[in-house]
Amino acid sequence: MNDFAWRIPFILGGIFGLISVYLRRFLQETPIFKEMASKKALAQEMPVVSVIKNHKQACLITAALTWSLSTAIVVTILMTPSVIC
């Protein structure tokens, strides 16, 4: 089983990938989106740029918290073997 177990995530990923391709190809857009697209009522600029421009402080706080958490996780993972041994 151990010789085969590493293949399971790849098989599952392939299955989900095929499902995604099927859904993208055969699903229709909603009527509301089609109407907005025909009227060119969609956003002209990227939403990410708009969020960063209008909410700088919140973006910086979010980035700092994310970096802090990532650093804590990496340090914990790297330090755990030396503490255990």
N, C-alpha and C. Protein backbone atom coordinates (compact mmCIF):
# COMPACT_ATOMS: atom_id res chain seq x y z
N MET A 1 0.83 -1.20 0.00
CA MET A 1 0.00 0.00 0.00
C MET A 1 0.86 1.25 0.00
N ASN A 2 1.97 1.25 0.75
CA ASN A 2 2.82 2.43 0.81
C ASN A 2 3.43 2.77 -0.55
N ASP A 3 3.65 1.76 -1.37
CA ASP A 3 4.21 2.02 -2.69
C ASP A 3 3.21 2.71 -3.61
N PHE A 4 1.94 2.56 -3.31
CA PHE A 4 0.90 3.13 -4.16
C PHE A 4 0.29 4.41 -3.58
N ALA A 5 0.40 4.60 -2.27
CA ALA A 5 -0.32 5.67 -1.57
C ALA A 5 0.03 7.06 -2.09
N TRP A 6 1.25 7.29 -2.52
CA TRP A 6 1.63 8.63 -2.98
C TRP A 6 0.91 9.01 -4.27
N ARG A 7 0.37 8.02 -4.98
CA ARG A 7 -0.33 8.31 -6.23
C ARG A 7 -1.77 8.78 -6.02
N ILE A 8 -2.34 8.48 -4.87
CA ILE A 8 -3.75 8.78 -4.62
C ILE A 8 -4.06 10.27 -4.76
N PRO A 9 -3.28 11.20 -4.17
CA PRO A 9 -3.60 12.63 -4.36
C PRO A 9 -3.55 13.06 -5.83
N PHE A 10 -2.64 12.48 -6.60
CA PHE A 10 -2.54 12.84 -8.01
C PHE A 10 -3.75 12.31 -8.78
N ILE A 11 -4.20 11.12 -8.45
CA ILE A 11 -5.39 10.56 -9.09
C ILE A 11 -6.61 11.42 -8.76
N LEU A 12 -6.76 11.77 -7.48
CA LEU A 12 -7.88 12.63 -7.08
C LEU A 12 -7.81 13.99 -7.76
N GLY A 13 -6.61 14.55 -7.84
CA GLY A 13 -6.44 15.84 -8.53
C GLY A 13 -6.81 15.75 -9.99
N GLY A 14 -6.45 14.65 -10.63
CA GLY A 14 -6.82 14.45 -12.03
C GLY A 14 -8.32 14.35 -12.22
N ILE A 15 -8.97 13.64 -11.30
CA ILE A 15 -10.43 13.51 -11.38
C ILE A 15 -11.09 14.88 -11.21
N PHE A 16 -10.66 15.64 -10.20
CA PHE A 16 -11.23 16.97 -9.99
C PHE A 16 -10.90 17.90 -11.16
N GLY A 17 -9.74 17.75 -11.75
CA GLY A 17 -9.39 18.55 -12.92
C GLY A 17 -10.31 18.26 -14.10
N LEU A 18 -10.59 17.00 -14.34
CA LEU A 18 -11.50 16.63 -15.43
C LEU A 18 -12.92 17.14 -15.17
N ILE A 19 -13.36 17.06 -13.91
CA ILE A 19 -14.67 17.61 -13.56
C ILE A 19 -14.70 19.11 -13.82
N SER A 20 -13.63 19.81 -13.47
CA SER A 20 -13.57 21.26 -13.69
C SER A 20 -13.62 21.60 -15.17
N VAL A 21 -12.89 20.85 -15.99
CA VAL A 21 -12.91 21.09 -17.44
C VAL A 21 -14.32 20.87 -17.98
N TYR A 22 -14.97 19.82 -17.53
CA TYR A 22 -16.33 19.55 -17.96
C TYR A 22 -17.26 20.70 -17.58
N LEU A 23 -17.18 21.15 -16.34
CA LEU A 23 -18.06 22.23 -15.88
C LEU A 23 -17.80 23.52 -16.64
N ARG A 24 -16.53 23.86 -16.87
CA ARG A 24 -16.21 25.10 -17.59
C ARG A 24 -16.73 25.05 -19.03
N ARG A 25 -16.70 23.89 -19.62
CA ARG A 25 -17.09 23.79 -21.03
C ARG A 25 -18.60 23.80 -21.22
N PHE A 26 -19.34 23.17 -20.33
CA PHE A 26 -20.76 22.94 -20.59
C PHE A 26 -21.72 23.77 -19.75
N LEU A 27 -21.25 24.48 -18.74
CA LEU A 27 -22.15 25.34 -17.98
C LEU A 27 -22.33 26.68 -18.70
N GLN A 28 -23.51 27.24 -18.58
CA GLN A 28 -23.82 28.52 -19.21
C GLN A 28 -23.65 29.65 -18.19
N GLU A 29 -23.34 30.84 -18.69
CA GLU A 29 -23.29 32.01 -17.82
C GLU A 29 -24.70 32.37 -17.37
N THR A 30 -24.79 33.04 -16.23
CA THR A 30 -26.10 33.45 -15.74
C THR A 30 -26.65 34.58 -16.61
N PRO A 31 -27.97 34.69 -16.70
CA PRO A 31 -28.56 35.77 -17.51
C PRO A 31 -28.15 37.16 -17.02
N ILE A 32 -27.99 37.32 -15.72
CA ILE A 32 -27.59 38.63 -15.19
C ILE A 32 -26.20 39.01 -15.69
N PHE A 33 -25.27 38.06 -15.67
CA PHE A 33 -23.92 38.34 -16.16
C PHE A 33 -23.93 38.65 -17.65
N LYS A 34 -24.70 37.89 -18.41
CA LYS A 34 -24.79 38.16 -19.85
C LYS A 34 -25.33 39.56 -20.12
N GLU A 35 -26.33 39.98 -19.34
CA GLU A 35 -26.90 41.31 -19.50
C GLU A 35 -25.87 42.38 -19.16
N MET A 36 -25.14 42.19 -18.06
CA MET A 36 -24.12 43.17 -17.67
C MET A 36 -23.00 43.24 -18.71
N ALA A 37 -22.61 42.09 -19.24
CA ALA A 37 -21.54 42.07 -20.24
C ALA A 37 -21.98 42.76 -21.53
N SER A 38 -23.24 42.60 -21.89
CA SER A 38 -23.72 43.25 -23.12
C SER A 38 -23.82 44.76 -22.94
N LYS A 39 -24.08 45.22 -21.73
CA LYS A 39 -24.16 46.66 -21.46
C LYS A 39 -22.81 47.25 -21.06
N LYS A 40 -21.79 46.42 -21.03
CA LYS A 40 -20.45 46.86 -20.60
C LYS A 40 -20.50 47.44 -19.19
N ALA A 41 -21.34 46.87 -18.34
CA ALA A 41 -21.50 47.36 -16.97
C ALA A 41 -20.52 46.70 -16.00
N LEU A 42 -19.60 45.94 -16.52
CA LEU A 42 -18.62 45.29 -15.66
C LEU A 42 -17.57 46.29 -15.22
N ALA A 43 -16.87 45.98 -14.17
CA ALA A 43 -15.86 46.90 -13.63
C ALA A 43 -14.77 47.17 -14.66
N GLN A 44 -14.35 48.42 -14.73
CA GLN A 44 -13.32 48.82 -15.69
C GLN A 44 -11.92 48.56 -15.14
N GLU A 45 -11.77 48.63 -13.84
CA GLU A 45 -10.44 48.38 -13.26
C GLU A 45 -10.48 47.10 -12.44
N MET A 46 -9.30 46.63 -12.13
CA MET A 46 -9.19 45.39 -11.37
C MET A 46 -9.70 45.61 -9.95
N PRO A 47 -10.53 44.71 -9.43
CA PRO A 47 -11.03 44.87 -8.07
C PRO A 47 -9.92 44.89 -7.02
N VAL A 48 -8.84 44.15 -7.26
CA VAL A 48 -7.73 44.12 -6.30
C VAL A 48 -7.11 45.50 -6.17
N VAL A 49 -6.91 46.17 -7.29
CA VAL A 49 -6.33 47.52 -7.28
C VAL A 49 -7.25 48.46 -6.52
N SER A 50 -8.53 48.35 -6.74
CA SER A 50 -9.50 49.18 -6.05
C SER A 50 -9.46 48.95 -4.54
N VAL A 51 -9.37 47.71 -4.13
CA VAL A 51 -9.32 47.39 -2.70
C VAL A 51 -8.05 47.95 -2.07
N ILE A 52 -6.91 47.78 -2.75
CA ILE A 52 -5.64 48.28 -2.20
C ILE A 52 -5.66 49.80 -2.11
N LYS A 53 -6.21 50.48 -3.10
CA LYS A 53 -6.27 51.94 -3.08
C LYS A 53 -7.16 52.45 -1.94
N ASN A 54 -8.30 51.83 -1.76
CA ASN A 54 -9.29 52.33 -0.82
C ASN A 54 -9.15 51.81 0.61
N HIS A 55 -8.38 50.75 0.80
CA HIS A 55 -8.27 50.13 2.13
C HIS A 55 -6.81 49.79 2.44
N LYS A 56 -5.93 50.77 2.35
CA LYS A 56 -4.50 50.52 2.55
C LYS A 56 -4.19 49.97 3.93
N GLN A 57 -4.76 50.58 4.97
CA GLN A 57 -4.45 50.17 6.33
C GLN A 57 -4.91 48.72 6.57
N ALA A 58 -6.09 48.38 6.14
CA ALA A 58 -6.59 47.02 6.33
C ALA A 58 -5.73 46.01 5.57
N CYS A 59 -5.27 46.38 4.37
CA CYS A 59 -4.41 45.49 3.60
C CYS A 59 -3.07 45.28 4.30
N LEU A 60 -2.51 46.34 4.86
CA LEU A 60 -1.24 46.22 5.57
C LEU A 60 -1.39 45.37 6.83
N ILE A 61 -2.46 45.57 7.57
CA ILE A 61 -2.70 44.76 8.77
C ILE A 61 -2.87 43.29 8.39
N THR A 62 -3.62 43.03 7.34
CA THR A 62 -3.82 41.65 6.89
C THR A 62 -2.51 41.02 6.46
N ALA A 63 -1.69 41.75 5.72
CA ALA A 63 -0.39 41.23 5.28
C ALA A 63 0.50 40.94 6.48
N ALA A 64 0.53 41.86 7.45
CA ALA A 64 1.36 41.66 8.64
C ALA A 64 0.92 40.44 9.44
N LEU A 65 -0.38 40.28 9.61
CA LEU A 65 -0.88 39.11 10.35
C LEU A 65 -0.58 37.81 9.60
N THR A 66 -0.73 37.83 8.29
CA THR A 66 -0.43 36.63 7.50
C THR A 66 1.04 36.28 7.58
N TRP A 67 1.92 37.27 7.45
CA TRP A 67 3.36 37.02 7.54
C TRP A 67 3.73 36.52 8.93
N SER A 68 3.13 37.09 9.97
CA SER A 68 3.42 36.65 11.34
C SER A 68 3.02 35.19 11.54
N LEU A 69 1.83 34.85 11.10
CA LEU A 69 1.36 33.47 11.25
C LEU A 69 2.23 32.51 10.45
N SER A 70 2.57 32.87 9.23
CA SER A 70 3.43 32.02 8.40
C SER A 70 4.79 31.82 9.05
N THR A 71 5.35 32.90 9.58
CA THR A 71 6.65 32.81 10.26
C THR A 71 6.55 31.90 11.47
N ALA A 72 5.50 32.04 12.26
CA ALA A 72 5.33 31.19 13.44
C ALA A 72 5.21 29.72 13.06
N ILE A 73 4.49 29.44 12.00
CA ILE A 73 4.32 28.05 11.57
C ILE A 73 5.65 27.47 11.09
N VAL A 74 6.38 28.23 10.28
CA VAL A 74 7.67 27.75 9.76
C VAL A 74 8.65 27.53 10.90
N VAL A 75 8.74 28.47 11.82
CA VAL A 75 9.66 28.32 12.96
C VAL A 75 9.27 27.11 13.79
N THR A 76 7.99 26.92 14.02
CA THR A 76 7.53 25.76 14.79
C THR A 76 7.91 24.46 14.10
N ILE A 77 7.69 24.40 12.80
CA ILE A 77 8.02 23.18 12.06
C ILE A 77 9.52 22.92 12.06
N LEU A 78 10.32 23.98 11.91
CA LEU A 78 11.76 23.79 11.87
C LEU A 78 12.36 23.52 13.24
N MET A 79 11.77 24.06 14.30
CA MET A 79 12.33 23.89 15.64
C MET A 79 11.87 22.61 16.33
N THR A 80 10.74 22.07 15.95
CA THR A 80 10.19 20.90 16.63
C THR A 80 11.14 19.70 16.63
N PRO A 81 11.78 19.34 15.53
CA PRO A 81 12.69 18.18 15.57
C PRO A 81 13.85 18.37 16.55
N SER A 82 14.40 19.57 16.64
CA SER A 82 15.53 19.77 17.55
C SER A 82 15.09 19.74 19.01
N VAL A 83 13.87 20.14 19.30
CA VAL A 83 13.37 20.11 20.68
C VAL A 83 13.03 18.68 21.08
N ILE A 84 12.50 17.91 20.17
CA ILE A 84 12.10 16.53 20.47
C ILE A 84 13.32 15.65 20.71
N CYS A 85 14.35 15.82 19.92
CA CYS A 85 15.52 14.94 20.01
C CYS A 85 16.41 15.27 21.16
